Amino acid sequence: MLRGRHFRNTPWPVNPGVITQRFSAPTGFVFTGRPAYGYYGAIGGVITVELEYELYDTGRTLVIRANPHLNTTASDTGSLVCTIPCAVRG
């Protein structure tokens, strides 16, 4: 499992719209499942959003298309953590 954290030190909204992100698996690993964003400062607890994605090269390349917005509503405040499932390449 790979995780990346994005945060904004100010209360102003960040809303880039849908962007394309391309990831290459670390040597010896492949991507295995659905990536997700988690908003860890949301009122009422963590909110998880499954992302639109595509796998290429037998799981070695992952393309995510999503909007990594922060502070646009009460449900997307605090840190945004992107979780990407991966496994040892067999």
N, C-alpha and C. Protein backbone atom coordinates (compact mmCIF):
# COMPACT_ATOMS: atom_id res chain seq x y z
N MET A 1 0.85 -1.16 0.00
CA MET A 1 0.00 0.00 0.00
C MET A 1 0.91 1.23 0.00
N LEU A 2 0.68 2.11 -0.95
CA LEU A 2 1.39 3.39 -1.00
C LEU A 2 0.42 4.48 -0.56
N ARG A 3 0.93 5.44 0.19
CA ARG A 3 0.08 6.55 0.63
C ARG A 3 0.83 7.86 0.46
N GLY A 4 0.10 8.85 0.03
CA GLY A 4 0.63 10.19 -0.09
C GLY A 4 -0.33 11.16 0.59
N ARG A 5 0.20 12.17 1.25
CA ARG A 5 -0.64 13.11 1.99
C ARG A 5 -0.50 14.50 1.39
N HIS A 6 -1.64 15.14 1.17
CA HIS A 6 -1.70 16.52 0.70
C HIS A 6 -2.44 17.33 1.75
N PHE A 7 -1.95 18.50 2.03
CA PHE A 7 -2.67 19.35 2.98
C PHE A 7 -2.48 20.80 2.62
N ARG A 8 -3.35 21.60 3.14
CA ARG A 8 -3.32 23.05 2.91
C ARG A 8 -3.28 23.72 4.27
N ASN A 9 -2.29 24.57 4.51
CA ASN A 9 -2.13 25.23 5.81
C ASN A 9 -3.10 26.39 6.02
N THR A 10 -3.85 26.74 5.02
CA THR A 10 -4.80 27.84 5.13
C THR A 10 -6.21 27.32 4.88
N PRO A 11 -7.23 28.04 5.29
CA PRO A 11 -8.61 27.57 5.11
C PRO A 11 -9.17 27.80 3.71
N TRP A 12 -8.40 28.41 2.79
CA TRP A 12 -8.92 28.70 1.46
C TRP A 12 -9.07 27.42 0.64
N PRO A 13 -10.09 27.38 -0.20
CA PRO A 13 -10.33 26.18 -0.99
C PRO A 13 -9.30 25.96 -2.10
N VAL A 14 -9.07 24.69 -2.38
CA VAL A 14 -8.24 24.27 -3.51
C VAL A 14 -9.14 23.34 -4.33
N ASN A 15 -9.37 23.69 -5.58
CA ASN A 15 -10.27 22.91 -6.42
C ASN A 15 -9.76 22.95 -7.86
N PRO A 16 -8.77 22.09 -8.20
CA PRO A 16 -8.15 22.14 -9.52
C PRO A 16 -9.00 21.55 -10.64
N GLY A 17 -10.11 20.90 -10.31
CA GLY A 17 -10.86 20.17 -11.32
C GLY A 17 -10.23 18.79 -11.52
N VAL A 18 -10.77 18.04 -12.45
CA VAL A 18 -10.25 16.69 -12.69
C VAL A 18 -8.88 16.80 -13.35
N ILE A 19 -7.90 16.13 -12.75
CA ILE A 19 -6.55 16.10 -13.30
C ILE A 19 -6.15 14.63 -13.53
N THR A 20 -5.20 14.42 -14.41
CA THR A 20 -4.68 13.08 -14.68
C THR A 20 -3.35 12.93 -13.98
N GLN A 21 -3.23 11.88 -13.18
CA GLN A 21 -1.99 11.57 -12.48
C GLN A 21 -1.50 10.20 -12.94
N ARG A 22 -0.23 10.07 -13.29
CA ARG A 22 0.34 8.81 -13.76
C ARG A 22 1.42 8.37 -12.78
N PHE A 23 1.32 7.11 -12.33
CA PHE A 23 2.27 6.56 -11.38
C PHE A 23 2.94 5.32 -11.96
N SER A 24 4.21 5.15 -11.68
CA SER A 24 4.95 3.94 -12.03
C SER A 24 5.21 3.18 -10.74
N ALA A 25 4.90 1.89 -10.75
CA ALA A 25 5.11 1.07 -9.55
C ALA A 25 6.60 0.98 -9.23
N PRO A 26 6.96 0.93 -7.95
CA PRO A 26 8.35 0.73 -7.57
C PRO A 26 8.86 -0.60 -8.13
N THR A 27 10.15 -0.70 -8.36
CA THR A 27 10.75 -1.92 -8.88
C THR A 27 10.32 -3.13 -8.06
N GLY A 28 9.84 -4.17 -8.73
CA GLY A 28 9.42 -5.39 -8.06
C GLY A 28 7.99 -5.39 -7.56
N PHE A 29 7.23 -4.31 -7.83
CA PHE A 29 5.85 -4.20 -7.37
C PHE A 29 4.90 -3.93 -8.54
N VAL A 30 3.61 -4.20 -8.33
CA VAL A 30 2.56 -3.84 -9.28
C VAL A 30 1.40 -3.23 -8.50
N PHE A 31 0.63 -2.40 -9.17
CA PHE A 31 -0.58 -1.86 -8.58
C PHE A 31 -1.67 -2.91 -8.72
N THR A 32 -2.50 -3.06 -7.67
CA THR A 32 -3.42 -4.19 -7.64
C THR A 32 -4.89 -3.85 -7.49
N GLY A 33 -5.25 -2.65 -7.14
CA GLY A 33 -6.66 -2.41 -6.88
C GLY A 33 -7.05 -0.96 -7.00
N ARG A 34 -8.21 -0.66 -6.49
CA ARG A 34 -8.80 0.66 -6.63
C ARG A 34 -8.15 1.67 -5.68
N PRO A 35 -7.56 2.74 -6.24
CA PRO A 35 -7.03 3.81 -5.40
C PRO A 35 -8.17 4.63 -4.80
N ALA A 36 -7.88 5.31 -3.69
CA ALA A 36 -8.91 6.10 -3.02
C ALA A 36 -8.29 7.34 -2.38
N TYR A 37 -9.10 8.39 -2.28
CA TYR A 37 -8.76 9.57 -1.50
C TYR A 37 -9.48 9.44 -0.16
N GLY A 38 -8.84 9.87 0.90
CA GLY A 38 -9.48 9.94 2.21
C GLY A 38 -9.30 11.34 2.78
N TYR A 39 -10.39 11.94 3.22
CA TYR A 39 -10.36 13.26 3.86
C TYR A 39 -10.38 13.04 5.36
N TYR A 40 -9.25 13.33 6.02
CA TYR A 40 -9.08 12.96 7.42
C TYR A 40 -9.45 14.05 8.41
N GLY A 41 -9.83 15.23 7.95
CA GLY A 41 -10.24 16.28 8.87
C GLY A 41 -11.72 16.62 8.73
N ALA A 42 -12.45 15.78 8.04
CA ALA A 42 -13.86 16.07 7.76
C ALA A 42 -14.70 15.98 9.03
N ILE A 43 -15.71 16.84 9.10
CA ILE A 43 -16.65 16.80 10.22
C ILE A 43 -17.39 15.48 10.14
N GLY A 44 -17.45 14.75 11.24
CA GLY A 44 -18.14 13.47 11.26
C GLY A 44 -17.24 12.28 10.97
N GLY A 45 -15.94 12.50 10.80
CA GLY A 45 -15.02 11.39 10.60
C GLY A 45 -14.43 11.35 9.20
N VAL A 46 -13.65 10.32 8.95
CA VAL A 46 -12.95 10.17 7.68
C VAL A 46 -13.95 9.88 6.56
N ILE A 47 -13.78 10.57 5.44
CA ILE A 47 -14.59 10.33 4.25
C ILE A 47 -13.67 9.78 3.17
N THR A 48 -14.04 8.62 2.61
CA THR A 48 -13.23 7.97 1.59
C THR A 48 -13.95 8.03 0.25
N VAL A 49 -13.20 8.33 -0.81
CA VAL A 49 -13.75 8.43 -2.16
C VAL A 49 -12.93 7.51 -3.06
N GLU A 50 -13.60 6.51 -3.69
CA GLU A 50 -12.90 5.67 -4.65
C GLU A 50 -12.70 6.46 -5.94
N LEU A 51 -11.55 6.24 -6.60
CA LEU A 51 -11.16 7.05 -7.75
C LEU A 51 -11.30 6.30 -9.07
N GLU A 52 -11.53 7.06 -10.13
CA GLU A 52 -11.50 6.50 -11.48
C GLU A 52 -10.04 6.21 -11.83
N TYR A 53 -9.78 5.01 -12.34
CA TYR A 53 -8.39 4.65 -12.61
C TYR A 53 -8.30 3.65 -13.77
N GLU A 54 -7.08 3.51 -14.30
CA GLU A 54 -6.77 2.52 -15.32
C GLU A 54 -5.40 1.94 -15.00
N LEU A 55 -5.24 0.63 -15.25
CA LEU A 55 -3.94 -0.04 -15.08
C LEU A 55 -3.39 -0.39 -16.46
N TYR A 56 -2.08 -0.21 -16.61
CA TYR A 56 -1.38 -0.55 -17.86
C TYR A 56 -0.13 -1.36 -17.52
N ASP A 57 0.45 -1.96 -18.55
CA ASP A 57 1.71 -2.70 -18.41
C ASP A 57 1.61 -3.75 -17.30
N THR A 58 0.54 -4.54 -17.33
CA THR A 58 0.29 -5.59 -16.33
C THR A 58 0.41 -5.07 -14.89
N GLY A 59 -0.10 -3.86 -14.66
CA GLY A 59 -0.14 -3.31 -13.31
C GLY A 59 1.05 -2.45 -12.93
N ARG A 60 1.99 -2.26 -13.83
CA ARG A 60 3.17 -1.45 -13.48
C ARG A 60 2.92 0.05 -13.62
N THR A 61 1.88 0.42 -14.38
CA THR A 61 1.53 1.83 -14.56
C THR A 61 0.08 2.04 -14.14
N LEU A 62 -0.15 3.07 -13.35
CA LEU A 62 -1.49 3.42 -12.87
C LEU A 62 -1.80 4.84 -13.30
N VAL A 63 -2.97 5.05 -13.86
CA VAL A 63 -3.43 6.38 -14.23
C VAL A 63 -4.70 6.67 -13.44
N ILE A 64 -4.68 7.78 -12.71
CA ILE A 64 -5.84 8.21 -11.92
C ILE A 64 -6.36 9.52 -12.50
N ARG A 65 -7.68 9.60 -12.65
CA ARG A 65 -8.32 10.85 -13.07
C ARG A 65 -9.29 11.24 -11.96
N ALA A 66 -8.98 12.33 -11.28
CA ALA A 66 -9.80 12.75 -10.14
C ALA A 66 -9.55 14.22 -9.84
N ASN A 67 -10.39 14.75 -8.96
CA ASN A 67 -10.26 16.14 -8.51
C ASN A 67 -9.83 16.13 -7.05
N PRO A 68 -8.54 16.37 -6.78
CA PRO A 68 -8.05 16.36 -5.40
C PRO A 68 -8.34 17.67 -4.67
N HIS A 69 -9.61 17.96 -4.46
CA HIS A 69 -10.02 19.24 -3.85
C HIS A 69 -9.90 19.19 -2.33
N LEU A 70 -9.67 20.35 -1.75
CA LEU A 70 -9.59 20.53 -0.30
C LEU A 70 -10.30 21.81 0.10
N ASN A 71 -10.96 21.76 1.26
CA ASN A 71 -11.60 22.94 1.85
C ASN A 71 -12.67 23.58 0.97
N THR A 72 -13.38 22.76 0.19
CA THR A 72 -14.47 23.31 -0.62
C THR A 72 -15.82 23.12 0.06
N THR A 73 -15.92 22.14 0.97
CA THR A 73 -17.13 21.89 1.77
C THR A 73 -16.68 21.37 3.14
N ALA A 74 -17.63 21.10 4.03
CA ALA A 74 -17.27 20.54 5.33
C ALA A 74 -16.80 19.10 5.24
N SER A 75 -17.03 18.46 4.10
CA SER A 75 -16.65 17.04 3.97
C SER A 75 -15.27 16.83 3.34
N ASP A 76 -14.56 17.89 2.98
CA ASP A 76 -13.23 17.70 2.39
C ASP A 76 -12.17 18.60 3.05
N THR A 77 -12.24 18.70 4.37
CA THR A 77 -11.29 19.54 5.10
C THR A 77 -10.15 18.71 5.66
N GLY A 78 -9.10 19.41 6.07
CA GLY A 78 -7.95 18.73 6.68
C GLY A 78 -7.05 18.11 5.63
N SER A 79 -6.44 17.00 5.96
CA SER A 79 -5.52 16.32 5.04
C SER A 79 -6.27 15.47 4.03
N LEU A 80 -5.71 15.40 2.84
CA LEU A 80 -6.18 14.50 1.79
C LEU A 80 -5.12 13.42 1.64
N VAL A 81 -5.48 12.17 1.90
CA VAL A 81 -4.54 11.06 1.79
C VAL A 81 -4.95 10.20 0.61
N CYS A 82 -4.03 9.98 -0.31
CA CYS A 82 -4.27 9.11 -1.46
C CYS A 82 -3.68 7.74 -1.13
N THR A 83 -4.50 6.69 -1.21
CA THR A 83 -4.07 5.33 -0.92
C THR A 83 -4.10 4.53 -2.22
N ILE A 84 -2.97 3.88 -2.54
CA ILE A 84 -2.84 3.10 -3.77
C ILE A 84 -2.41 1.69 -3.41
N PRO A 85 -3.30 0.70 -3.60
CA PRO A 85 -2.94 -0.69 -3.29
C PRO A 85 -1.88 -1.23 -4.26
N CYS A 86 -0.91 -1.94 -3.73
CA CYS A 86 0.13 -2.56 -4.56
C CYS A 86 0.57 -3.87 -3.91
N ALA A 87 1.28 -4.69 -4.68
CA ALA A 87 1.75 -5.98 -4.17
C ALA A 87 3.09 -6.31 -4.82
N VAL A 88 3.79 -7.25 -4.22
CA VAL A 88 5.05 -7.73 -4.78
C VAL A 88 4.74 -8.41 -6.11
N ARG A 89 5.51 -8.07 -7.11
CA ARG A 89 5.29 -8.64 -8.45
C ARG A 89 5.69 -10.11 -8.45
N GLY A 90 4.77 -10.97 -8.87
CA GLY A 90 5.03 -12.40 -8.83
C GLY A 90 5.27 -12.93 -10.16
